[in-house]
C-alpha atoms as a PDB file:
ATOM      1  CA  MET A   1      35.555 -70.926  21.894  1.00  0.00           C
ATOM      2  CA  ASN A   2      33.304 -69.280  19.926  1.00  0.00           C
ATOM      3  CA  LEU A   3      34.682 -65.936  21.051  1.00  0.00           C
ATOM      4  CA  ASN A   4      37.745 -67.063  19.837  1.00  0.00           C
ATOM      5  CA  ALA A   5      37.012 -68.336  16.524  1.00  0.00           C
ATOM      6  CA  THR A   6      34.856 -65.101  15.811  1.00  0.00           C
ATOM      7  CA  LEU A   7      38.045 -62.836  16.849  1.00  0.00           C
ATOM      8  CA  ILE A   8      40.047 -65.143  14.689  1.00  0.00           C
ATOM      9  CA  GLY A   9      37.887 -64.746  11.915  1.00  0.00           C
ATOM     10  CA  GLN A  10      37.839 -61.165  12.600  1.00  0.00           C
ATOM     11  CA  LEU A  11      41.308 -61.108  12.272  1.00  0.00           C
ATOM     12  CA  ILE A  12      41.964 -62.796   9.402  1.00  0.00           C
ATOM     13  CA  ALA A  13      39.185 -60.980   7.842  1.00  0.00           C
ATOM     14  CA  PHE A  14      41.081 -57.656   8.568  1.00  0.00           C
ATOM     15  CA  ALA A  15      44.048 -59.505   7.639  1.00  0.00           C
ATOM     16  CA  LEU A  16      42.845 -60.603   4.140  1.00  0.00           C
ATOM     17  CA  PHE A  17      40.920 -56.966   3.911  1.00  0.00           C
ATOM     18  CA  THR A  18      44.652 -55.276   4.790  1.00  0.00           C
ATOM     19  CA  TRP A  19      46.288 -57.522   2.004  1.00  0.00           C
ATOM     20  CA  PHE A  20      43.669 -56.548  -0.199  1.00  0.00           C
ATOM     21  CA  CYS A  21      43.927 -52.797  -0.127  1.00  0.00           C
ATOM     22  CA  VAL A  22      47.820 -52.744   0.083  1.00  0.00           C
ATOM     23  CA  LYS A  23      47.653 -54.853  -3.171  1.00  0.00           C
ATOM     24  CA  PHE A  24      45.232 -53.572  -4.603  1.00  0.00           C
ATOM     25  CA  VAL A  25      43.944 -50.137  -3.282  1.00  0.00           C
ATOM     26  CA  TRP A  26      46.670 -48.456  -1.802  1.00  0.00           C
ATOM     27  CA  PRO A  27      49.019 -48.558  -4.854  1.00  0.00           C
ATOM     28  CA  PRO A  28      46.447 -46.535  -7.444  1.00  0.00           C
ATOM     29  CA  ILE A  29      45.768 -44.264  -4.658  1.00  0.00           C
ATOM     30  CA  ILE A  30      49.785 -43.735  -4.115  1.00  0.00           C
ATOM     31  CA  LYS A  31      50.300 -43.620  -7.651  1.00  0.00           C
ATOM     32  CA  ALA A  32      47.542 -40.666  -7.805  1.00  0.00           C
ATOM     33  CA  ILE A  33      48.777 -38.870  -5.022  1.00  0.00           C
ATOM     34  CA  GLU A  34      52.585 -38.975  -6.809  1.00  0.00           C
ATOM     35  CA  GLU A  35      51.374 -38.225  -9.679  1.00  0.00           C
ATOM     36  CA  ARG A  36      49.221 -35.071  -8.337  1.00  0.00           C
ATOM     37  CA  GLN A  37      52.586 -34.053  -6.265  1.00  0.00           C
ATOM     38  CA  SER A  38      54.774 -33.960  -9.656  1.00  0.00           C
ATOM     39  CA  SER A  39      51.804 -32.254 -11.492  1.00  0.00           C
ATOM     40  CA  ILE A  40      51.879 -30.049  -8.558  1.00  0.00           C
ATOM     41  CA  ALA A  41      55.453 -29.644  -8.499  1.00  0.00           C
ATOM     42  CA  ASN A  42      55.802 -28.962 -12.343  1.00  0.00           C
ATOM     43  CA  ALA A  43      53.157 -26.310 -12.218  1.00  0.00           C
ATOM     44  CA  LEU A  44      55.128 -24.320  -9.844  1.00  0.00           C
ATOM     45  CA  ALA A  45      58.265 -25.048 -11.315  1.00  0.00           C
ATOM     46  CA  SER A  46      56.665 -23.658 -14.310  1.00  0.00           C
ATOM     47  CA  ALA A  47      54.821 -20.635 -12.653  1.00  0.00           C
ATOM     48  CA  GLU A  48      58.391 -19.852 -11.228  1.00  0.00           C
ATOM     49  CA  ALA A  49      59.888 -19.976 -14.633  1.00  0.00           C
ATOM     50  CA  ALA A  50      57.348 -17.755 -16.194  1.00  0.00           C
ATOM     51  CA  ARG A  51      57.997 -15.361 -13.608  1.00  0.00           C
ATOM     52  CA  LYS A  52      61.255 -15.349 -13.665  1.00  0.00           C
ATOM     53  CA  GLU A  53      60.560 -15.238 -18.130  1.00  0.00           C
ATOM     54  CA  GLN A  54      58.277 -12.287 -17.321  1.00  0.00           C
ATOM     55  CA  ALA A  55      60.773 -10.317 -15.180  1.00  0.00           C
ATOM     56  CA  ASP A  56      63.106 -10.922 -17.655  1.00  0.00           C
ATOM     57  CA  THR A  57      61.282  -9.660 -20.063  1.00  0.00           C
ATOM     58  CA  LYS A  58      60.027  -6.670 -18.217  1.00  0.00           C
ATOM     59  CA  ALA A  59      64.081  -5.631 -17.921  1.00  0.00           C
ATOM     60  CA  LEU A  60      64.694  -5.891 -21.539  1.00  0.00           C
ATOM     61  CA  ALA A  61      61.780  -4.370 -22.416  1.00  0.00           C
ATOM     62  CA  GLU A  62      62.421  -1.205 -20.356  1.00  0.00           C
ATOM     63  CA  GLU A  63      65.938  -1.279 -21.995  1.00  0.00           C
ATOM     64  CA  GLU A  64      64.226  -0.966 -25.057  1.00  0.00           C
ATOM     65  CA  ILE A  65      62.341   1.893 -23.807  1.00  0.00           C
ATOM     66  CA  THR A  66      65.213   3.949 -22.609  1.00  0.00           C
ATOM     67  CA  LYS A  67      67.223   3.200 -26.001  1.00  0.00           C
ATOM     68  CA  ALA A  68      64.567   4.494 -28.158  1.00  0.00           C
ATOM     69  CA  LYS A  69      63.928   7.538 -25.581  1.00  0.00           C
ATOM     70  CA  ILE A  70      67.801   7.968 -26.018  1.00  0.00           C
ATOM     71  CA  GLN A  71      67.955   7.821 -29.969  1.00  0.00           C
ATOM     72  CA  ALA A  72      64.223   9.485 -30.083  1.00  0.00           C
ATOM     73  CA  GLN A  73      66.130  12.449 -28.082  1.00  0.00           C
ATOM     74  CA  GLU A  74      69.237  12.046 -30.186  1.00  0.00           C
ATOM     75  CA  ILE A  75      66.842  12.343 -33.561  1.00  0.00           C
ATOM     76  CA  ILE A  76      65.127  15.694 -32.107  1.00  0.00           C
ATOM     77  CA  ASP A  77      68.583  17.117 -31.371  1.00  0.00           C
ATOM     78  CA  SER A  78      69.830  16.332 -34.867  1.00  0.00           C
ATOM     79  CA  ALA A  79      66.665  17.647 -36.414  1.00  0.00           C
ATOM     80  CA  ASN A  80      66.843  21.197 -33.983  1.00  0.00           C
ATOM     81  CA  LYS A  81      70.314  21.445 -35.148  1.00  0.00           C
ATOM     82  CA  ARG A  82      69.604  20.893 -39.149  1.00  0.00           C
ATOM     83  CA  ARG A  83      66.840  23.242 -38.034  1.00  0.00           C
ATOM     84  CA  ASN A  84      69.162  26.315 -36.704  1.00  0.00           C
ATOM     85  CA  GLU A  85      71.302  25.395 -39.989  1.00  0.00           C
ATOM     86  CA  VAL A  86      68.874  25.624 -42.370  1.00  0.00           C
ATOM     87  CA  LEU A  87      67.343  28.966 -40.848  1.00  0.00           C
ATOM     88  CA  ASP A  88      71.529  30.766 -40.358  1.00  0.00           C
ATOM     89  CA  GLU A  89      71.460  29.317 -44.588  1.00  0.00           C
ATOM     90  CA  VAL A  90      68.276  31.180 -45.072  1.00  0.00           C
ATOM     91  CA  LYS A  91      68.896  34.379 -42.787  1.00  0.00           C
ATOM     92  CA  ALA A  92      72.234  34.651 -44.693  1.00  0.00           C
ATOM     93  CA  GLU A  93      70.529  34.092 -48.374  1.00  0.00           C
ATOM     94  CA  ALA A  94      68.134  37.154 -46.992  1.00  0.00           C
ATOM     95  CA  GLU A  95      71.039  39.026 -45.778  1.00  0.00           C
ATOM     96  CA  ALA A  96      72.353  39.045 -49.638  1.00  0.00           C
ATOM     97  CA  LEU A  97      69.456  39.124 -51.131  1.00  0.00           C
ATOM     98  CA  LYS A  98      68.698  42.313 -49.192  1.00  0.00           C
ATOM     99  CA  ALA A  99      72.271  43.294 -50.228  1.00  0.00           C
ATOM    100  CA  LYS A 100      71.754  42.842 -53.602  1.00  0.00           C
ATOM    101  CA  ILE A 101      68.478  44.823 -53.770  1.00  0.00           C
ATOM    102  CA  ILE A 102      69.644  47.822 -51.898  1.00  0.00           C
ATOM    103  CA  GLU A 103      72.486  48.038 -53.872  1.00  0.00           C
ATOM    104  CA  GLN A 104      70.397  47.528 -57.198  1.00  0.00           C
ATOM    105  CA  GLY A 105      68.019  50.691 -55.926  1.00  0.00           C
ATOM    106  CA  TYR A 106      72.026  53.086 -55.292  1.00  0.00           C
ATOM    107  CA  VAL A 107      72.123  52.005 -59.051  1.00  0.00           C
ATOM    108  CA  GLU A 108      68.714  52.684 -59.979  1.00  0.00           C
ATOM    109  CA  VAL A 109      68.517  55.909 -58.150  1.00  0.00           C
ATOM    110  CA  GLU A 110      72.158  56.472 -59.428  1.00  0.00           C
ATOM    111  CA  ALA A 111      70.922  56.132 -62.767  1.00  0.00           C
ATOM    112  CA  GLU A 112      67.524  57.756 -62.392  1.00  0.00           C
ATOM    113  CA  ARG A 113      68.997  61.121 -60.497  1.00  0.00           C
ATOM    114  CA  LYS A 114      72.091  61.727 -63.827  1.00  0.00           C
ATOM    115  CA  ARG A 115      68.588  61.258 -66.309  1.00  0.00           C
ATOM    116  CA  VAL A 116      67.235  63.802 -64.287  1.00  0.00           C
ATOM    117  CA  GLN A 117      69.989  65.521 -64.026  1.00  0.00           C
ATOM    118  CA  GLU A 118      70.598  65.331 -67.841  1.00  0.00           C
ATOM    119  CA  GLU A 119      67.124  66.934 -68.057  1.00  0.00           C
ATOM    120  CA  LEU A 120      67.545  69.416 -65.778  1.00  0.00           C
ATOM    121  CA  ARG A 121      70.593  70.524 -67.857  1.00  0.00           C
ATOM    122  CA  VAL A 122      68.977  70.619 -71.318  1.00  0.00           C
ATOM    123  CA  LYS A 123      65.730  72.780 -69.631  1.00  0.00           C
ATOM    124  CA  VAL A 124      68.615  74.970 -67.913  1.00  0.00           C
ATOM    125  CA  ALA A 125      70.174  75.438 -71.039  1.00  0.00           C
ATOM    126  CA  SER A 126      66.844  75.876 -73.385  1.00  0.00           C
ATOM    127  CA  LEU A 127      66.008  78.487 -70.386  1.00  0.00           C
ATOM    128  CA  ALA A 128      69.075  80.059 -70.553  1.00  0.00           C
ATOM    129  CA  ILE A 129      69.313  80.682 -74.583  1.00  0.00           C
ATOM    130  CA  ALA A 130      65.371  81.515 -74.547  1.00  0.00           C
ATOM    131  CA  GLY A 131      66.386  84.309 -71.902  1.00  0.00           C
ATOM    132  CA  ALA A 132      69.047  85.478 -74.398  1.00  0.00           C
ATOM    133  CA  GLU A 133      66.787  85.880 -77.065  1.00  0.00           C
ATOM    134  CA  LYS A 134      64.434  87.615 -75.018  1.00  0.00           C
ATOM    135  CA  ILE A 135      67.658  89.869 -74.404  1.00  0.00           C
ATOM    136  CA  VAL A 136      68.843  90.002 -77.556  1.00  0.00           C
ATOM    137  CA  GLY A 137      65.676  90.299 -79.179  1.00  0.00           C
ATOM    138  CA  ARG A 138      65.827  88.042 -81.668  1.00  0.00           C
ATOM    139  CA  THR A 139      65.871  84.167 -82.760  1.00  0.00           C
ATOM    140  CA  VAL A 140      68.550  82.085 -83.315  1.00  0.00           C
ATOM    141  CA  ASP A 141      68.434  78.873 -85.764  1.00  0.00           C
ATOM    142  CA  GLU A 142      67.340  75.719 -84.581  1.00  0.00           C
ATOM    143  CA  ALA A 143      71.062  74.262 -85.391  1.00  0.00           C
ATOM    144  CA  ALA A 144      72.650  77.214 -83.586  1.00  0.00           C
ATOM    145  CA  ASN A 145      69.959  76.557 -80.420  1.00  0.00           C
ATOM    146  CA  ASN A 146      71.060  73.134 -80.361  1.00  0.00           C
ATOM    147  CA  ASP A 147      74.748  73.441 -80.595  1.00  0.00           C
ATOM    148  CA  ILE A 148      74.697  76.105 -77.850  1.00  0.00           C
ATOM    149  CA  ILE A 149      72.369  73.922 -75.871  1.00  0.00           C
ATOM    150  CA  ASP A 150      75.079  70.885 -76.249  1.00  0.00           C
ATOM    151  CA  LYS A 151      77.626  73.312 -75.062  1.00  0.00           C
ATOM    152  CA  LEU A 152      76.262  74.100 -72.053  1.00  0.00           C
ATOM    153  CA  VAL A 153      74.882  70.860 -71.213  1.00  0.00           C
ATOM    154  CA  ALA A 154      78.723  69.837 -71.356  1.00  0.00           C
ATOM    155  CA  GLU A 155      79.726  73.040 -69.476  1.00  0.00           C
ATOM    156  CA  LEU A 156      77.422  72.264 -66.332  1.00  0.00           C
END
């Protein structure tokens, strides 16, 4: 009986220990495990959401970069077009100025040619009168000389 009483005592002690563990020890452990599982699940969900958000942000950034590249190329093309227009305008202005300068040069050359021609006429007339005076052997008066020179210049 002694063995039975010890065995029953141990069974009662074990039952009390089990009841005590189930009632007071087990619930906080289960609660801690469940909280930890919930925390891990939330962390995994947050990580997945962050990964998805990162992928979305990366796609959006790549799209914006592509748009920016297209816009930059449009700006460059527009600038090149404007540069070519400005160059064409400057070339046209330069050609017009060149033509004007050349025309002005022709006018000046023509005026100088006429002036020199007139000087030459006057000198030729003076030489002709000087030669005539030497041939005739006498001097004609100044007024007569000028009148003859004017007539000769008009004829030349």
